[in-house]
C-alpha atoms as a PDB file:
ATOM      1  CA  MET A   1     111.614 101.273 -16.150  1.00  0.00           C
ATOM      2  CA  ARG A   2     111.166  97.949 -14.337  1.00  0.00           C
ATOM      3  CA  THR A   3     107.826  97.281 -12.664  1.00  0.00           C
ATOM      4  CA  LEU A   4     107.109  94.458 -10.226  1.00  0.00           C
ATOM      5  CA  ILE A   5     103.783  93.323  -8.809  1.00  0.00           C
ATOM      6  CA  ILE A   6     104.250  91.979  -5.272  1.00  0.00           C
ATOM      7  CA  ILE A   7     101.388  90.086  -3.603  1.00  0.00           C
ATOM      8  CA  PRO A   8     101.882  89.965   0.178  1.00  0.00           C
ATOM      9  CA  ALA A   9     100.129  86.940   1.675  1.00  0.00           C
ATOM     10  CA  ARG A  10     100.137  85.817   5.287  1.00  0.00           C
ATOM     11  CA  TYR A  11      98.387  82.833   6.806  1.00  0.00           C
ATOM     12  CA  ARG A  12      97.515  84.251  10.228  1.00  0.00           C
ATOM     13  CA  SER A  13      94.759  86.711   9.377  1.00  0.00           C
ATOM     14  CA  SER A  14      92.891  87.821  12.509  1.00  0.00           C
ATOM     15  CA  ARG A  15      89.498  87.841  10.776  1.00  0.00           C
ATOM     16  CA  PHE A  16      89.970  84.885   8.428  1.00  0.00           C
ATOM     17  CA  PRO A  17      92.966  82.614   9.175  1.00  0.00           C
ATOM     18  CA  GLY A  18      94.359  80.780   6.154  1.00  0.00           C
ATOM     19  CA  LYS A  19      92.372  82.790   3.650  1.00  0.00           C
ATOM     20  CA  PRO A  20      95.059  82.905   0.878  1.00  0.00           C
ATOM     21  CA  LEU A  21      94.607  79.125   0.555  1.00  0.00           C
ATOM     22  CA  VAL A  22      90.801  78.915   0.629  1.00  0.00           C
ATOM     23  CA  ASP A  23      89.348  77.162  -2.390  1.00  0.00           C
ATOM     24  CA  ILE A  24      87.550  79.236  -5.003  1.00  0.00           C
ATOM     25  CA  LEU A  25      86.184  77.163  -7.883  1.00  0.00           C
ATOM     26  CA  GLY A  26      88.964  74.612  -7.637  1.00  0.00           C
ATOM     27  CA  LYS A  27      91.899  76.981  -7.101  1.00  0.00           C
ATOM     28  CA  PRO A  28      93.370  78.573  -3.972  1.00  0.00           C
ATOM     29  CA  MET A  29      92.555  82.280  -3.726  1.00  0.00           C
ATOM     30  CA  ILE A  30      96.212  83.277  -3.999  1.00  0.00           C
ATOM     31  CA  GLN A  31      96.345  81.590  -7.424  1.00  0.00           C
ATOM     32  CA  HIS A  32      93.352  83.606  -8.653  1.00  0.00           C
ATOM     33  CA  VAL A  33      95.082  86.828  -7.577  1.00  0.00           C
ATOM     34  CA  TYR A  34      98.398  85.771  -9.094  1.00  0.00           C
ATOM     35  CA  GLU A  35      96.806  84.880 -12.433  1.00  0.00           C
ATOM     36  CA  LYS A  36      94.975  88.216 -12.599  1.00  0.00           C
ATOM     37  CA  ALA A  37      98.248  90.035 -11.878  1.00  0.00           C
ATOM     38  CA  ASN A  38     100.045  87.957 -14.510  1.00  0.00           C
ATOM     39  CA  ARG A  39      97.612  89.291 -17.122  1.00  0.00           C
ATOM     40  CA  SER A  40      98.982  92.801 -16.653  1.00  0.00           C
ATOM     41  CA  LYS A  41     100.488  94.049 -19.917  1.00  0.00           C
ATOM     42  CA  LYS A  42     102.719  96.584 -18.161  1.00  0.00           C
ATOM     43  CA  ALA A  43     104.419  94.618 -15.359  1.00  0.00           C
ATOM     44  CA  ASP A  44     107.765  92.879 -15.765  1.00  0.00           C
ATOM     45  CA  LYS A  45     107.364  90.349 -12.967  1.00  0.00           C
ATOM     46  CA  VAL A  46     104.773  89.042 -10.496  1.00  0.00           C
ATOM     47  CA  MET A  47     105.767  87.641  -7.096  1.00  0.00           C
ATOM     48  CA  VAL A  48     104.107  86.421  -3.906  1.00  0.00           C
ATOM     49  CA  ALA A  49     105.752  87.447  -0.622  1.00  0.00           C
ATOM     50  CA  THR A  50     104.725  85.225   2.277  1.00  0.00           C
ATOM     51  CA  ASP A  51     105.787  84.186   5.762  1.00  0.00           C
ATOM     52  CA  ASP A  52     104.223  80.727   5.696  1.00  0.00           C
ATOM     53  CA  ILE A  53     105.588  77.533   4.165  1.00  0.00           C
ATOM     54  CA  ARG A  54     102.084  76.349   3.263  1.00  0.00           C
ATOM     55  CA  ILE A  55     101.483  79.382   1.051  1.00  0.00           C
ATOM     56  CA  TYR A  56     105.033  79.164  -0.324  1.00  0.00           C
ATOM     57  CA  THR A  57     104.505  75.518  -1.318  1.00  0.00           C
ATOM     58  CA  VAL A  58     101.145  76.149  -2.983  1.00  0.00           C
ATOM     59  CA  VAL A  59     102.519  79.034  -5.072  1.00  0.00           C
ATOM     60  CA  GLU A  60     105.496  76.934  -6.143  1.00  0.00           C
ATOM     61  CA  LYS A  61     103.135  74.116  -7.092  1.00  0.00           C
ATOM     62  CA  PHE A  62     101.113  76.248  -9.530  1.00  0.00           C
ATOM     63  CA  GLY A  63     104.331  77.663 -11.021  1.00  0.00           C
ATOM     64  CA  GLY A  64     104.347  81.117  -9.461  1.00  0.00           C
ATOM     65  CA  ASN A  65     107.280  83.192  -8.263  1.00  0.00           C
ATOM     66  CA  VAL A  66     107.395  83.282  -4.466  1.00  0.00           C
ATOM     67  CA  VAL A  67     109.759  84.529  -1.765  1.00  0.00           C
ATOM     68  CA  MET A  68     109.784  83.803   1.961  1.00  0.00           C
ATOM     69  CA  THR A  69     109.798  86.834   4.253  1.00  0.00           C
ATOM     70  CA  SER A  70     109.837  87.522   7.996  1.00  0.00           C
ATOM     71  CA  LYS A  71     106.868  86.771  10.241  1.00  0.00           C
ATOM     72  CA  ASP A  72     107.396  90.074  12.073  1.00  0.00           C
ATOM     73  CA  HIS A  73     105.944  92.464   9.474  1.00  0.00           C
ATOM     74  CA  LYS A  74     102.937  94.478  10.635  1.00  0.00           C
ATOM     75  CA  SER A  75     101.443  95.031   7.172  1.00  0.00           C
ATOM     76  CA  GLY A  76     101.668  94.002   3.536  1.00  0.00           C
ATOM     77  CA  THR A  77     103.676  97.111   2.695  1.00  0.00           C
ATOM     78  CA  ASP A  78     106.157  96.277   5.469  1.00  0.00           C
ATOM     79  CA  ARG A  79     106.541  92.838   3.878  1.00  0.00           C
ATOM     80  CA  ILE A  80     107.233  94.380   0.472  1.00  0.00           C
ATOM     81  CA  THR A  81     110.031  96.525   1.903  1.00  0.00           C
ATOM     82  CA  GLU A  82     111.918  93.287   2.538  1.00  0.00           C
ATOM     83  CA  VAL A  83     111.421  92.172  -1.073  1.00  0.00           C
ATOM     84  CA  VAL A  84     112.750  95.522  -2.335  1.00  0.00           C
ATOM     85  CA  LYS A  85     116.181  94.585  -0.952  1.00  0.00           C
ATOM     86  CA  LYS A  86     116.257  91.468  -3.139  1.00  0.00           C
ATOM     87  CA  GLU A  87     114.360  92.514  -6.264  1.00  0.00           C
ATOM     88  CA  LYS A  88     115.493  95.680  -8.008  1.00  0.00           C
ATOM     89  CA  GLY A  89     112.830  97.776  -9.671  1.00  0.00           C
ATOM     90  CA  ASP A  90     111.590 101.308 -10.249  1.00  0.00           C
ATOM     91  CA  ILE A  91     107.875 100.815  -9.547  1.00  0.00           C
ATOM     92  CA  TYR A  92     106.392  98.277  -7.134  1.00  0.00           C
ATOM     93  CA  ILE A  93     102.690  97.408  -7.163  1.00  0.00           C
ATOM     94  CA  ASN A  94     101.331  96.162  -3.840  1.00  0.00           C
ATOM     95  CA  LEU A  95      98.401  93.908  -4.741  1.00  0.00           C
ATOM     96  CA  GLN A  96      96.730  92.423  -1.703  1.00  0.00           C
ATOM     97  CA  GLY A  97      96.330  88.653  -1.720  1.00  0.00           C
ATOM     98  CA  ASP A  98      92.599  88.803  -0.948  1.00  0.00           C
ATOM     99  CA  GLN A  99      91.629  90.561  -4.210  1.00  0.00           C
ATOM    100  CA  PRO A 100      90.664  87.722  -6.609  1.00  0.00           C
ATOM    101  CA  LEU A 101      88.366  90.058  -8.587  1.00  0.00           C
ATOM    102  CA  ILE A 102      91.019  92.660  -9.376  1.00  0.00           C
ATOM    103  CA  CYS A 103      90.981  93.756 -13.031  1.00  0.00           C
ATOM    104  CA  PRO A 104      94.330  93.521 -14.874  1.00  0.00           C
ATOM    105  CA  GLU A 105      93.327  96.734 -16.659  1.00  0.00           C
ATOM    106  CA  ASP A 106      93.189  98.524 -13.314  1.00  0.00           C
ATOM    107  CA  ILE A 107      96.678  97.311 -12.464  1.00  0.00           C
ATOM    108  CA  ASP A 108      97.895  98.741 -15.774  1.00  0.00           C
ATOM    109  CA  LEU A 109      96.036 101.997 -15.112  1.00  0.00           C
ATOM    110  CA  LEU A 110      98.065 102.383 -11.940  1.00  0.00           C
ATOM    111  CA  ILE A 111     101.340 101.495 -13.665  1.00  0.00           C
ATOM    112  CA  ASP A 112     100.649 103.980 -16.483  1.00  0.00           C
ATOM    113  CA  LYS A 113     100.045 106.721 -13.929  1.00  0.00           C
ATOM    114  CA  MET A 114     103.295 106.003 -12.123  1.00  0.00           C
ATOM    115  CA  ALA A 115     105.321 105.666 -15.336  1.00  0.00           C
ATOM    116  CA  GLY A 116     103.881 108.821 -16.905  1.00  0.00           C
ATOM    117  CA  SER A 117     104.015 111.127 -13.874  1.00  0.00           C
ATOM    118  CA  PRO A 118     107.533 111.477 -12.418  1.00  0.00           C
ATOM    119  CA  ASP A 119     106.160 113.495  -9.472  1.00  0.00           C
ATOM    120  CA  CYS A 120     103.736 110.704  -8.510  1.00  0.00           C
ATOM    121  CA  ASN A 121     105.426 108.660  -5.782  1.00  0.00           C
ATOM    122  CA  ILE A 122     102.404 106.714  -4.494  1.00  0.00           C
ATOM    123  CA  ALA A 123      99.141 105.944  -6.263  1.00  0.00           C
ATOM    124  CA  THR A 124      96.025 103.908  -5.589  1.00  0.00           C
ATOM    125  CA  LEU A 125      92.474 103.440  -6.911  1.00  0.00           C
ATOM    126  CA  CYS A 126      88.891 104.163  -5.889  1.00  0.00           C
ATOM    127  CA  HIS A 127      85.349 104.160  -7.242  1.00  0.00           C
ATOM    128  CA  PRO A 128      82.045 105.727  -6.115  1.00  0.00           C
ATOM    129  CA  ILE A 129      79.722 103.646  -3.925  1.00  0.00           C
ATOM    130  CA  SER A 130      76.261 103.971  -2.435  1.00  0.00           C
ATOM    131  CA  LEU A 131      75.518 105.199   1.064  1.00  0.00           C
ATOM    132  CA  GLU A 132      74.477 101.673   2.059  1.00  0.00           C
ATOM    133  CA  GLU A 133      77.824 100.196   1.040  1.00  0.00           C
ATOM    134  CA  ALA A 134      79.715 103.114   2.575  1.00  0.00           C
ATOM    135  CA  LYS A 135      78.264 102.240   5.992  1.00  0.00           C
ATOM    136  CA  ASN A 136      80.138  98.908   5.963  1.00  0.00           C
ATOM    137  CA  PRO A 137      83.409  99.239   7.959  1.00  0.00           C
ATOM    138  CA  ASN A 138      85.023  96.614   5.694  1.00  0.00           C
ATOM    139  CA  ALA A 139      84.587  99.057   2.794  1.00  0.00           C
ATOM    140  CA  VAL A 140      87.428 101.539   3.248  1.00  0.00           C
ATOM    141  CA  LYS A 141      86.456 105.057   2.177  1.00  0.00           C
ATOM    142  CA  VAL A 142      88.744 107.783   0.858  1.00  0.00           C
ATOM    143  CA  VAL A 143      88.168 111.543   0.723  1.00  0.00           C
ATOM    144  CA  LEU A 144      89.933 113.385  -2.096  1.00  0.00           C
ATOM    145  CA  SER A 145      91.340 116.857  -2.612  1.00  0.00           C
ATOM    146  CA  SER A 146      90.446 118.873  -5.712  1.00  0.00           C
ATOM    147  CA  ASP A 147      93.619 117.646  -7.445  1.00  0.00           C
ATOM    148  CA  GLY A 148      92.817 113.962  -6.856  1.00  0.00           C
ATOM    149  CA  ARG A 149      95.012 113.251  -3.854  1.00  0.00           C
ATOM    150  CA  ALA A 150      93.950 111.439  -0.712  1.00  0.00           C
ATOM    151  CA  LEU A 151      93.011 113.595   2.245  1.00  0.00           C
ATOM    152  CA  TYR A 152      92.088 110.659   4.478  1.00  0.00           C
ATOM    153  CA  PHE A 153      91.133 106.975   4.464  1.00  0.00           C
ATOM    154  CA  SER A 154      88.706 105.511   6.989  1.00  0.00           C
ATOM    155  CA  ARG A 155      86.505 102.569   7.811  1.00  0.00           C
ATOM    156  CA  SER A 156      84.004 105.107   9.146  1.00  0.00           C
ATOM    157  CA  LEU A 157      81.475 106.893   6.982  1.00  0.00           C
ATOM    158  CA  ILE A 158      83.367 109.823   5.436  1.00  0.00           C
ATOM    159  CA  PRO A 159      82.691 112.526   4.522  1.00  0.00           C
ATOM    160  CA  TYR A 160      80.105 113.313   7.177  1.00  0.00           C
ATOM    161  CA  ALA A 161      76.902 114.654   5.604  1.00  0.00           C
ATOM    162  CA  SER A 162      74.717 117.152   7.432  1.00  0.00           C
ATOM    163  CA  HIS A 163      71.020 116.436   7.128  1.00  0.00           C
ATOM    164  CA  ASP A 164      70.566 119.335   4.697  1.00  0.00           C
ATOM    165  CA  VAL A 165      73.320 118.187   2.304  1.00  0.00           C
ATOM    166  CA  LYS A 166      72.274 116.143  -0.730  1.00  0.00           C
ATOM    167  CA  ASN A 167      74.145 114.104  -3.352  1.00  0.00           C
ATOM    168  CA  VAL A 168      77.095 113.218  -1.122  1.00  0.00           C
ATOM    169  CA  CYS A 169      79.768 111.227  -2.969  1.00  0.00           C
ATOM    170  CA  TYR A 170      81.359 108.278  -1.160  1.00  0.00           C
ATOM    171  CA  ASN A 171      84.490 106.758  -2.683  1.00  0.00           C
ATOM    172  CA  LYS A 172      85.577 103.212  -1.890  1.00  0.00           C
ATOM    173  CA  HIS A 173      89.291 102.545  -1.808  1.00  0.00           C
ATOM    174  CA  ILE A 174      90.521  99.559  -3.835  1.00  0.00           C
ATOM    175  CA  GLY A 175      93.324  97.667  -2.075  1.00  0.00           C
ATOM    176  CA  ILE A 176      96.168  98.138  -4.519  1.00  0.00           C
ATOM    177  CA  TYR A 177      99.059 100.628  -4.396  1.00  0.00           C
ATOM    178  CA  GLY A 178     101.871 101.772  -6.646  1.00  0.00           C
ATOM    179  CA  PHE A 179     105.143 102.864  -5.023  1.00  0.00           C
ATOM    180  CA  ARG A 180     108.409 104.230  -6.278  1.00  0.00           C
ATOM    181  CA  ARG A 181     111.340 102.382  -4.810  1.00  0.00           C
ATOM    182  CA  HIS A 182     112.603 105.254  -2.651  1.00  0.00           C
ATOM    183  CA  VAL A 183     109.235 105.464  -0.851  1.00  0.00           C
ATOM    184  CA  LEU A 184     109.433 101.818   0.202  1.00  0.00           C
ATOM    185  CA  VAL A 185     113.019 102.286   1.351  1.00  0.00           C
ATOM    186  CA  GLN A 186     111.795 105.117   3.601  1.00  0.00           C
ATOM    187  CA  TYR A 187     108.610 103.320   4.669  1.00  0.00           C
ATOM    188  CA  LYS A 188     110.416 100.688   6.710  1.00  0.00           C
ATOM    189  CA  ASN A 189     111.910 103.458   8.860  1.00  0.00           C
ATOM    190  CA  LEU A 190     108.693 105.395   9.455  1.00  0.00           C
ATOM    191  CA  PRO A 191     107.264 105.246  12.993  1.00  0.00           C
ATOM    192  CA  PHE A 192     104.184 103.070  13.400  1.00  0.00           C
ATOM    193  CA  SER A 193     101.272 105.473  13.030  1.00  0.00           C
ATOM    194  CA  GLN A 194      98.628 106.023  15.710  1.00  0.00           C
ATOM    195  CA  LEU A 195      96.024 106.480  12.963  1.00  0.00           C
ATOM    196  CA  GLU A 196      97.188 103.266  11.306  1.00  0.00           C
ATOM    197  CA  SER A 197      96.800 101.461  14.616  1.00  0.00           C
ATOM    198  CA  GLN A 198      93.288 102.805  15.197  1.00  0.00           C
ATOM    199  CA  GLU A 199      91.909 102.260  11.695  1.00  0.00           C
ATOM    200  CA  LYS A 200      94.000  99.172  10.808  1.00  0.00           C
ATOM    201  CA  LEU A 201      94.928 100.864   7.519  1.00  0.00           C
ATOM    202  CA  GLU A 202      98.608 100.818   6.583  1.00  0.00           C
ATOM    203  CA  GLN A 203      98.347 103.735   4.112  1.00  0.00           C
ATOM    204  CA  LEU A 204      97.680 106.105   7.013  1.00  0.00           C
ATOM    205  CA  ARG A 205     101.306 105.714   8.099  1.00  0.00           C
ATOM    206  CA  LEU A 206     102.271 107.442   4.854  1.00  0.00           C
ATOM    207  CA  LEU A 207      99.684 110.227   5.144  1.00  0.00           C
ATOM    208  CA  GLU A 208     100.625 110.901   8.753  1.00  0.00           C
ATOM    209  CA  ALA A 209     104.293 111.126   7.709  1.00  0.00           C
ATOM    210  CA  GLY A 210     103.441 113.760   5.080  1.00  0.00           C
ATOM    211  CA  PHE A 211     103.474 111.709   1.871  1.00  0.00           C
ATOM    212  CA  SER A 212     100.996 112.468  -0.946  1.00  0.00           C
ATOM    213  CA  ILE A 213      98.923 109.647  -2.405  1.00  0.00           C
ATOM    214  CA  ASP A 214      97.410 110.110  -5.864  1.00  0.00           C
ATOM    215  CA  VAL A 215      94.014 108.435  -6.235  1.00  0.00           C
ATOM    216  CA  LEU A 216      92.686 107.367  -9.645  1.00  0.00           C
ATOM    217  CA  GLU A 217      89.021 106.592 -10.212  1.00  0.00           C
ATOM    218  CA  THR A 218      88.031 103.441 -12.045  1.00  0.00           C
ATOM    219  CA  ASN A 219      84.589 102.417 -13.248  1.00  0.00           C
ATOM    220  CA  ARG A 220      85.246  98.690 -12.836  1.00  0.00           C
ATOM    221  CA  VAL A 221      83.369  98.002  -9.625  1.00  0.00           C
ATOM    222  CA  ASN A 222      83.649  94.212  -9.139  1.00  0.00           C
ATOM    223  CA  ASP A 223      86.394  94.769  -6.584  1.00  0.00           C
ATOM    224  CA  LYS A 224      84.993  92.725  -3.702  1.00  0.00           C
ATOM    225  CA  GLY A 225      87.824  91.637  -1.430  1.00  0.00           C
ATOM    226  CA  VAL A 226      87.715  88.636   0.892  1.00  0.00           C
ATOM    227  CA  ASP A 227      87.818  89.809   4.509  1.00  0.00           C
ATOM    228  CA  THR A 228      85.383  87.261   5.944  1.00  0.00           C
ATOM    229  CA  PRO A 229      83.896  83.835   5.078  1.00  0.00           C
ATOM    230  CA  GLU A 230      80.754  85.687   4.027  1.00  0.00           C
ATOM    231  CA  ASP A 231      82.767  87.724   1.517  1.00  0.00           C
ATOM    232  CA  LEU A 232      84.193  84.480   0.141  1.00  0.00           C
ATOM    233  CA  GLU A 233      80.737  83.196  -0.779  1.00  0.00           C
ATOM    234  CA  ILE A 234      79.904  86.456  -2.574  1.00  0.00           C
ATOM    235  CA  VAL A 235      83.167  86.322  -4.556  1.00  0.00           C
ATOM    236  CA  LYS A 236      82.485  82.706  -5.547  1.00  0.00           C
ATOM    237  CA  GLN A 237      79.098  83.675  -6.936  1.00  0.00           C
ATOM    238  CA  ILE A 238      80.565  86.590  -8.915  1.00  0.00           C
ATOM    239  CA  LEU A 239      83.248  84.363 -10.447  1.00  0.00           C
ATOM    240  CA  LEU A 240      80.663  81.702 -11.253  1.00  0.00           C
ATOM    241  CA  GLN A 241      78.569  84.287 -13.079  1.00  0.00           C
ATOM    242  CA  ASP A 242      81.657  85.473 -14.972  1.00  0.00           C
ATOM    243  CA  GLN A 243      82.455  81.917 -16.035  1.00  0.00           C
ATOM    244  CA  SER A 244      78.921  81.232 -17.211  1.00  0.00           C
ATOM    245  CA  ALA A 245      79.001  84.416 -19.313  1.00  0.00           C
ATOM    246  CA  ILE A 246      82.107  83.319 -21.268  1.00  0.00           C
ATOM    247  CA  PRO A 247      80.428  80.597 -23.399  1.00  0.00           C
ATOM    248  CA  LYS A 248      77.610  83.021 -24.244  1.00  0.00           C
ATOM    249  CA  ALA A 249      80.104  85.664 -25.345  1.00  0.00           C
ATOM    250  CA  ILE A 250      81.975  83.140 -27.511  1.00  0.00           C
ATOM    251  CA  GLY A 251      78.738  81.934 -29.017  1.00  0.00           C
ATOM    252  CA  SER A 252      77.697  85.464 -29.945  1.00  0.00           C
ATOM    253  CA  ILE A 253      80.957  85.943 -31.879  1.00  0.00           C
ATOM    254  CA  PHE A 254      80.260  82.988 -34.161  1.00  0.00           C
ATOM    255  CA  SER A 255      76.490  83.414 -34.452  1.00  0.00           C
END
């Protein structure tokens, strides 16, 4: 079973133009994401799919696999459907190019789920968050059914909690998806969803069309994506802290 990780990356982001190329500790963000993906033990190949020669050139320069795609795609998943025509595989992982903190172990968790469950056609990840974080529209929330499938994704605070309800659980969606090939072949022909247009969430096109999305919970919560310049500064600080912890960990081994 061949598994590919595809990282869609476009230059013209409405909220943060050029963000795949912003510098994070001496490397462009897209390189951080690529290197995390390349540490997956389950994937056969990692690729960047872009529509911009600047991103294409940078990925080539650091030695990554990259393919040029159309500028007309509405979402990252749309962009991956073009790659599917050129790169044969059984499972495709859509890893967004603004996720420099993604854990390789979480990527493998998703791949294991897809490989071990023939009836799982789409899968993604989530983790519990506080009410304060759930109020942020940049934190996409997901509500789950009793069997762990997505009922709905939203930037709004879901589920709604009446004033007399306590211990409400809010789950934050992590921006990574696993697809079987046939789903992506169908995706390009699905009508553009009204819900997708309102929420600016591409996965709602699949839910509205009747697809099931399995959602796995992970306890690795350093999943901060880069949607704004403010997010970028937070991610830089997290990575700096991670780097400073490495010498201490090495020292403890030999002490």
